[in-house]
Amino acid sequence: MNVPDDLRYSSDHEWARADGSRVRIGITDYAQDALGDIVFVDLPALGSDCAVGGTIGEVESTKSVSEVFAPVGGTVAAVNGALTDAPELMNEDPYGRGWLCEIEVAEDGALDALLDAAAYRQLTES
């Protein structure tokens, strides 16, 4: 299982990558593997506000439908429109082309409450 050291993780299996005041979000390699073949992604609306732990979208696979939760709070500043036509990008490249959205964070230190790579590995291996 791929768990990049430069990302932060939620216990709900989302990853977060900070870039200034924006945080790019997606589902982890662990999550996409558990879901199986992803066939549809419901993206959040641009400009919508989200709270930490709030639902920001859904991922539908051949096995189930799963909600995606915001690991940080703020405003949705960008969405990955490529997922509309190619939801399988979340399986193929979960930390790259398979990202879900970017959130303009509401407060500094938003990632501090998330797991680092070592803690996320421990969570998924237990």
N, C-alpha and C. Protein backbone atom coordinates (compact mmCIF):
# COMPACT_ATOMS: atom_id res chain seq x y z
N MET A 1 0.84 -1.17 0.00
CA MET A 1 0.00 0.00 0.00
C MET A 1 0.89 1.24 0.00
N ASN A 2 0.54 2.19 -0.82
CA ASN A 2 1.31 3.41 -0.98
C ASN A 2 0.80 4.48 0.00
N VAL A 3 1.68 4.97 0.88
CA VAL A 3 1.35 6.03 1.84
C VAL A 3 2.47 7.07 1.77
N PRO A 4 2.35 8.07 0.88
CA PRO A 4 3.42 9.07 0.76
C PRO A 4 3.66 9.82 2.07
N ASP A 5 4.93 10.02 2.39
CA ASP A 5 5.31 10.68 3.64
C ASP A 5 4.98 12.17 3.67
N ASP A 6 4.82 12.79 2.51
CA ASP A 6 4.61 14.24 2.48
C ASP A 6 3.14 14.66 2.61
N LEU A 7 2.25 13.70 2.82
CA LEU A 7 0.82 14.01 2.95
C LEU A 7 0.36 13.84 4.39
N ARG A 8 -0.83 14.38 4.67
CA ARG A 8 -1.51 14.14 5.95
C ARG A 8 -2.76 13.33 5.65
N TYR A 9 -3.26 12.62 6.65
CA TYR A 9 -4.34 11.66 6.43
C TYR A 9 -5.43 11.77 7.50
N SER A 10 -6.66 11.48 7.09
CA SER A 10 -7.76 11.40 8.05
C SER A 10 -7.99 9.93 8.39
N SER A 11 -8.64 9.69 9.50
CA SER A 11 -8.97 8.31 9.86
C SER A 11 -10.08 7.75 8.97
N ASP A 12 -10.71 8.64 8.15
CA ASP A 12 -11.72 8.22 7.19
C ASP A 12 -11.12 7.90 5.82
N HIS A 13 -9.78 7.91 5.73
CA HIS A 13 -9.03 7.50 4.53
C HIS A 13 -9.02 8.55 3.43
N GLU A 14 -9.02 9.83 3.80
CA GLU A 14 -8.75 10.90 2.85
C GLU A 14 -7.32 11.38 3.08
N TRP A 15 -6.70 11.87 2.02
CA TRP A 15 -5.38 12.48 2.16
C TRP A 15 -5.51 13.98 1.90
N ALA A 16 -4.53 14.73 2.39
CA ALA A 16 -4.52 16.18 2.23
C ALA A 16 -3.10 16.65 1.96
N ARG A 17 -2.97 17.54 0.98
CA ARG A 17 -1.67 18.12 0.62
C ARG A 17 -1.82 19.64 0.61
N ALA A 18 -1.08 20.32 1.47
CA ALA A 18 -1.16 21.78 1.56
C ALA A 18 -0.33 22.43 0.45
N ASP A 19 -0.88 23.53 -0.09
CA ASP A 19 -0.18 24.37 -1.05
C ASP A 19 -0.60 25.80 -0.74
N GLY A 20 0.12 26.41 0.19
CA GLY A 20 -0.27 27.74 0.66
C GLY A 20 -1.54 27.62 1.49
N SER A 21 -2.53 28.44 1.14
CA SER A 21 -3.80 28.40 1.89
C SER A 21 -4.79 27.39 1.32
N ARG A 22 -4.39 26.69 0.27
CA ARG A 22 -5.24 25.65 -0.32
C ARG A 22 -4.76 24.27 0.08
N VAL A 23 -5.72 23.36 0.23
CA VAL A 23 -5.40 21.97 0.55
C VAL A 23 -6.07 21.09 -0.48
N ARG A 24 -5.27 20.32 -1.20
CA ARG A 24 -5.80 19.36 -2.18
C ARG A 24 -6.16 18.08 -1.44
N ILE A 25 -7.29 17.49 -1.82
CA ILE A 25 -7.84 16.34 -1.12
C ILE A 25 -8.17 15.21 -2.09
N GLY A 26 -7.99 14.00 -1.62
CA GLY A 26 -8.39 12.81 -2.38
C GLY A 26 -8.58 11.64 -1.42
N ILE A 27 -8.85 10.48 -1.97
CA ILE A 27 -8.94 9.28 -1.15
C ILE A 27 -7.62 8.53 -1.23
N THR A 28 -7.30 7.81 -0.19
CA THR A 28 -6.01 7.12 -0.12
C THR A 28 -5.98 5.87 -1.00
N ASP A 29 -4.77 5.38 -1.19
CA ASP A 29 -4.58 4.13 -1.92
C ASP A 29 -5.32 3.00 -1.20
N TYR A 30 -5.27 3.00 0.11
CA TYR A 30 -5.99 2.00 0.91
C TYR A 30 -7.49 2.05 0.60
N ALA A 31 -8.06 3.27 0.57
CA ALA A 31 -9.50 3.43 0.32
C ALA A 31 -9.88 2.97 -1.08
N GLN A 32 -9.11 3.39 -2.08
CA GLN A 32 -9.47 3.01 -3.45
C GLN A 32 -9.36 1.51 -3.64
N ASP A 33 -8.40 0.87 -2.96
CA ASP A 33 -8.26 -0.58 -3.05
C ASP A 33 -9.45 -1.28 -2.40
N ALA A 34 -9.88 -0.77 -1.25
CA ALA A 34 -11.03 -1.36 -0.55
C ALA A 34 -12.32 -1.19 -1.35
N LEU A 35 -12.44 -0.06 -2.05
CA LEU A 35 -13.66 0.21 -2.83
C LEU A 35 -13.75 -0.66 -4.07
N GLY A 36 -12.63 -0.95 -4.68
CA GLY A 36 -12.63 -1.66 -5.96
C GLY A 36 -12.76 -0.66 -7.11
N ASP A 37 -13.24 -1.11 -8.25
CA ASP A 37 -13.31 -0.28 -9.44
C ASP A 37 -14.29 0.87 -9.25
N ILE A 38 -13.76 2.10 -9.29
CA ILE A 38 -14.59 3.30 -9.12
C ILE A 38 -15.24 3.63 -10.45
N VAL A 39 -16.57 3.80 -10.42
CA VAL A 39 -17.33 4.02 -11.66
C VAL A 39 -18.02 5.38 -11.72
N PHE A 40 -18.11 6.09 -10.57
CA PHE A 40 -18.76 7.40 -10.56
C PHE A 40 -18.25 8.20 -9.36
N VAL A 41 -18.05 9.51 -9.57
CA VAL A 41 -17.63 10.40 -8.50
C VAL A 41 -18.55 11.61 -8.48
N ASP A 42 -19.13 11.89 -7.32
CA ASP A 42 -19.96 13.08 -7.12
C ASP A 42 -19.06 14.14 -6.50
N LEU A 43 -18.75 15.18 -7.29
CA LEU A 43 -17.84 16.24 -6.85
C LEU A 43 -18.58 17.30 -6.05
N PRO A 44 -17.90 17.97 -5.12
CA PRO A 44 -18.54 19.07 -4.40
C PRO A 44 -18.72 20.28 -5.32
N ALA A 45 -19.63 21.17 -4.95
CA ALA A 45 -19.88 22.38 -5.75
C ALA A 45 -18.81 23.42 -5.46
N LEU A 46 -18.32 24.05 -6.51
CA LEU A 46 -17.37 25.15 -6.34
C LEU A 46 -18.00 26.23 -5.47
N GLY A 47 -17.22 26.77 -4.56
CA GLY A 47 -17.70 27.83 -3.70
C GLY A 47 -18.48 27.37 -2.49
N SER A 48 -18.74 26.07 -2.39
CA SER A 48 -19.49 25.57 -1.23
C SER A 48 -18.58 25.53 0.00
N ASP A 49 -19.18 25.79 1.15
CA ASP A 49 -18.44 25.72 2.41
C ASP A 49 -18.49 24.31 2.96
N CYS A 50 -17.42 23.91 3.61
CA CYS A 50 -17.41 22.59 4.23
C CYS A 50 -16.76 22.68 5.59
N ALA A 51 -17.28 21.88 6.50
CA ALA A 51 -16.73 21.79 7.85
C ALA A 51 -15.90 20.52 7.96
N VAL A 52 -14.95 20.53 8.87
CA VAL A 52 -14.15 19.33 9.12
C VAL A 52 -15.08 18.17 9.42
N GLY A 53 -14.92 17.08 8.69
CA GLY A 53 -15.74 15.89 8.88
C GLY A 53 -17.05 15.90 8.12
N GLY A 54 -17.35 17.02 7.45
CA GLY A 54 -18.58 17.10 6.67
C GLY A 54 -18.43 16.39 5.33
N THR A 55 -19.54 15.94 4.77
CA THR A 55 -19.52 15.24 3.49
C THR A 55 -19.24 16.24 2.36
N ILE A 56 -18.27 15.90 1.50
CA ILE A 56 -17.96 16.75 0.36
C ILE A 56 -18.17 16.05 -0.98
N GLY A 57 -18.55 14.80 -0.96
CA GLY A 57 -18.80 14.07 -2.19
C GLY A 57 -19.04 12.61 -1.93
N GLU A 58 -19.26 11.88 -3.03
CA GLU A 58 -19.44 10.44 -2.95
C GLU A 58 -18.63 9.76 -4.03
N VAL A 59 -18.20 8.56 -3.73
CA VAL A 59 -17.48 7.73 -4.68
C VAL A 59 -18.25 6.43 -4.80
N GLU A 60 -18.64 6.10 -6.03
CA GLU A 60 -19.38 4.87 -6.27
C GLU A 60 -18.46 3.88 -6.98
N SER A 61 -18.43 2.67 -6.43
CA SER A 61 -17.63 1.62 -7.04
C SER A 61 -18.55 0.46 -7.41
N THR A 62 -17.96 -0.56 -7.98
CA THR A 62 -18.74 -1.74 -8.32
C THR A 62 -19.19 -2.47 -7.06
N LYS A 63 -18.60 -2.14 -5.90
CA LYS A 63 -18.94 -2.78 -4.63
C LYS A 63 -19.93 -1.97 -3.79
N SER A 64 -19.77 -0.63 -3.77
CA SER A 64 -20.56 0.18 -2.84
C SER A 64 -20.49 1.66 -3.20
N VAL A 65 -21.22 2.46 -2.43
CA VAL A 65 -21.15 3.91 -2.51
C VAL A 65 -20.61 4.40 -1.17
N SER A 66 -19.58 5.25 -1.22
CA SER A 66 -18.97 5.76 0.00
C SER A 66 -18.91 7.27 -0.03
N GLU A 67 -19.18 7.88 1.12
CA GLU A 67 -19.07 9.33 1.23
C GLU A 67 -17.61 9.70 1.40
N VAL A 68 -17.27 10.90 0.92
CA VAL A 68 -15.94 11.46 1.14
C VAL A 68 -16.12 12.62 2.11
N PHE A 69 -15.29 12.64 3.15
CA PHE A 69 -15.41 13.65 4.20
C PHE A 69 -14.27 14.65 4.12
N ALA A 70 -14.57 15.90 4.45
CA ALA A 70 -13.57 16.96 4.42
C ALA A 70 -12.60 16.80 5.60
N PRO A 71 -11.31 16.63 5.32
CA PRO A 71 -10.35 16.55 6.42
C PRO A 71 -10.02 17.92 7.00
N VAL A 72 -10.37 18.98 6.26
CA VAL A 72 -10.17 20.36 6.71
C VAL A 72 -11.43 21.15 6.38
N GLY A 73 -11.62 22.25 7.08
CA GLY A 73 -12.76 23.11 6.80
C GLY A 73 -12.37 24.29 5.93
N GLY A 74 -13.35 24.81 5.20
CA GLY A 74 -13.10 25.96 4.34
C GLY A 74 -14.08 26.02 3.20
N THR A 75 -13.61 26.56 2.07
CA THR A 75 -14.44 26.73 0.89
C THR A 75 -13.85 25.96 -0.28
N VAL A 76 -14.69 25.24 -1.00
CA VAL A 76 -14.22 24.49 -2.16
C VAL A 76 -13.78 25.47 -3.25
N ALA A 77 -12.49 25.44 -3.57
CA ALA A 77 -11.91 26.39 -4.51
C ALA A 77 -11.65 25.79 -5.89
N ALA A 78 -11.58 24.46 -5.97
CA ALA A 78 -11.35 23.78 -7.25
C ALA A 78 -11.85 22.35 -7.13
N VAL A 79 -12.29 21.80 -8.25
CA VAL A 79 -12.68 20.39 -8.31
C VAL A 79 -11.97 19.76 -9.51
N ASN A 80 -11.77 18.48 -9.44
CA ASN A 80 -11.11 17.75 -10.53
C ASN A 80 -12.16 17.25 -11.51
N GLY A 81 -12.49 18.10 -12.48
CA GLY A 81 -13.50 17.77 -13.48
C GLY A 81 -13.16 16.56 -14.32
N ALA A 82 -11.88 16.18 -14.38
CA ALA A 82 -11.49 15.00 -15.15
C ALA A 82 -12.14 13.74 -14.61
N LEU A 83 -12.51 13.74 -13.32
CA LEU A 83 -13.13 12.55 -12.72
C LEU A 83 -14.54 12.30 -13.26
N THR A 84 -15.17 13.32 -13.81
CA THR A 84 -16.51 13.15 -14.37
C THR A 84 -16.49 12.14 -15.51
N ASP A 85 -15.50 12.26 -16.39
CA ASP A 85 -15.39 11.34 -17.53
C ASP A 85 -14.48 10.15 -17.25
N ALA A 86 -13.63 10.26 -16.24
CA ALA A 86 -12.67 9.19 -15.97
C ALA A 86 -12.54 8.95 -14.46
N PRO A 87 -13.61 8.46 -13.81
CA PRO A 87 -13.55 8.23 -12.37
C PRO A 87 -12.48 7.21 -11.97
N GLU A 88 -12.09 6.38 -12.92
CA GLU A 88 -11.07 5.37 -12.64
C GLU A 88 -9.71 5.97 -12.28
N LEU A 89 -9.54 7.28 -12.54
CA LEU A 89 -8.29 7.94 -12.14
C LEU A 89 -8.06 7.82 -10.64
N MET A 90 -9.13 7.72 -9.87
CA MET A 90 -8.98 7.56 -8.42
C MET A 90 -8.35 6.21 -8.08
N ASN A 91 -8.58 5.19 -8.92
CA ASN A 91 -7.94 3.89 -8.74
C ASN A 91 -6.51 3.92 -9.27
N GLU A 92 -6.35 4.50 -10.44
CA GLU A 92 -5.06 4.46 -11.14
C GLU A 92 -3.99 5.34 -10.49
N ASP A 93 -4.38 6.51 -10.00
CA ASP A 93 -3.42 7.49 -9.50
C ASP A 93 -4.05 8.29 -8.36
N PRO A 94 -4.32 7.65 -7.22
CA PRO A 94 -5.07 8.32 -6.15
C PRO A 94 -4.40 9.56 -5.58
N TYR A 95 -3.05 9.63 -5.64
CA TYR A 95 -2.35 10.79 -5.08
C TYR A 95 -1.93 11.80 -6.14
N GLY A 96 -2.25 11.52 -7.38
CA GLY A 96 -1.90 12.42 -8.47
C GLY A 96 -3.14 12.87 -9.21
N ARG A 97 -3.35 12.31 -10.40
CA ARG A 97 -4.48 12.74 -11.25
C ARG A 97 -5.84 12.40 -10.66
N GLY A 98 -5.90 11.57 -9.62
CA GLY A 98 -7.17 11.17 -9.02
C GLY A 98 -7.61 12.03 -7.85
N TRP A 99 -7.03 13.22 -7.69
CA TRP A 99 -7.46 14.09 -6.59
C TRP A 99 -8.92 14.51 -6.77
N LEU A 100 -9.59 14.85 -5.68
CA LEU A 100 -11.02 15.18 -5.71
C LEU A 100 -11.28 16.68 -5.80
N CYS A 101 -10.75 17.44 -4.84
CA CYS A 101 -11.00 18.88 -4.81
C CYS A 101 -9.90 19.60 -4.05
N GLU A 102 -9.96 20.94 -4.11
CA GLU A 102 -9.08 21.78 -3.32
C GLU A 102 -9.95 22.67 -2.46
N ILE A 103 -9.55 22.80 -1.20
CA ILE A 103 -10.29 23.63 -0.26
C ILE A 103 -9.41 24.79 0.17
N GLU A 104 -9.97 25.98 0.09
CA GLU A 104 -9.32 27.17 0.65
C GLU A 104 -9.60 27.10 2.15
N VAL A 105 -8.55 26.86 2.93
CA VAL A 105 -8.75 26.60 4.36
C VAL A 105 -9.17 27.84 5.12
N ALA A 106 -9.99 27.61 6.13
CA ALA A 106 -10.53 28.69 6.93
C ALA A 106 -9.54 29.19 7.98
N GLU A 107 -8.62 28.32 8.41
CA GLU A 107 -7.69 28.73 9.45
C GLU A 107 -6.33 28.08 9.27
N ASP A 108 -5.29 28.77 9.74
CA ASP A 108 -3.93 28.23 9.68
C ASP A 108 -3.84 26.98 10.56
N GLY A 109 -2.93 26.09 10.22
CA GLY A 109 -2.72 24.90 11.00
C GLY A 109 -3.79 23.84 10.82
N ALA A 110 -4.55 23.95 9.72
CA ALA A 110 -5.66 23.02 9.49
C ALA A 110 -5.21 21.56 9.41
N LEU A 111 -3.99 21.33 8.97
CA LEU A 111 -3.51 19.95 8.82
C LEU A 111 -2.97 19.36 10.12
N ASP A 112 -2.79 20.19 11.12
CA ASP A 112 -2.18 19.73 12.37
C ASP A 112 -2.96 18.62 13.05
N ALA A 113 -4.27 18.60 12.88
CA ALA A 113 -5.11 17.59 13.53
C ALA A 113 -5.12 16.26 12.78
N LEU A 114 -4.52 16.22 11.59
CA LEU A 114 -4.54 15.00 10.78
C LEU A 114 -3.35 14.10 11.11
N LEU A 115 -3.46 12.85 10.69
CA LEU A 115 -2.41 11.86 10.91
C LEU A 115 -1.24 12.08 9.96
N ASP A 116 -0.03 11.83 10.45
CA ASP A 116 1.11 11.80 9.53
C ASP A 116 1.16 10.40 8.91
N ALA A 117 2.09 10.21 7.99
CA ALA A 117 2.15 8.94 7.25
C ALA A 117 2.36 7.74 8.18
N ALA A 118 3.22 7.87 9.17
CA ALA A 118 3.48 6.76 10.08
C ALA A 118 2.23 6.38 10.86
N ALA A 119 1.50 7.37 11.34
CA ALA A 119 0.27 7.09 12.10
C ALA A 119 -0.79 6.49 11.19
N TYR A 120 -0.86 6.95 9.94
CA TYR A 120 -1.86 6.38 9.02
C TYR A 120 -1.51 4.92 8.69
N ARG A 121 -0.23 4.65 8.48
CA ARG A 121 0.19 3.25 8.23
C ARG A 121 -0.22 2.36 9.40
N GLN A 122 0.00 2.86 10.62
CA GLN A 122 -0.36 2.09 11.80
C GLN A 122 -1.88 1.84 11.85
N LEU A 123 -2.66 2.85 11.49
CA LEU A 123 -4.12 2.71 11.47
C LEU A 123 -4.56 1.63 10.49
N THR A 124 -3.98 1.61 9.32
CA THR A 124 -4.43 0.68 8.27
C THR A 124 -3.85 -0.71 8.42
N GLU A 125 -2.82 -0.84 9.21
CA GLU A 125 -2.20 -2.16 9.40
C GLU A 125 -2.74 -2.89 10.61
N SER A 126 -3.56 -2.20 11.41
CA SER A 126 -4.07 -2.85 12.63
C SER A 126 -5.36 -3.58 12.39
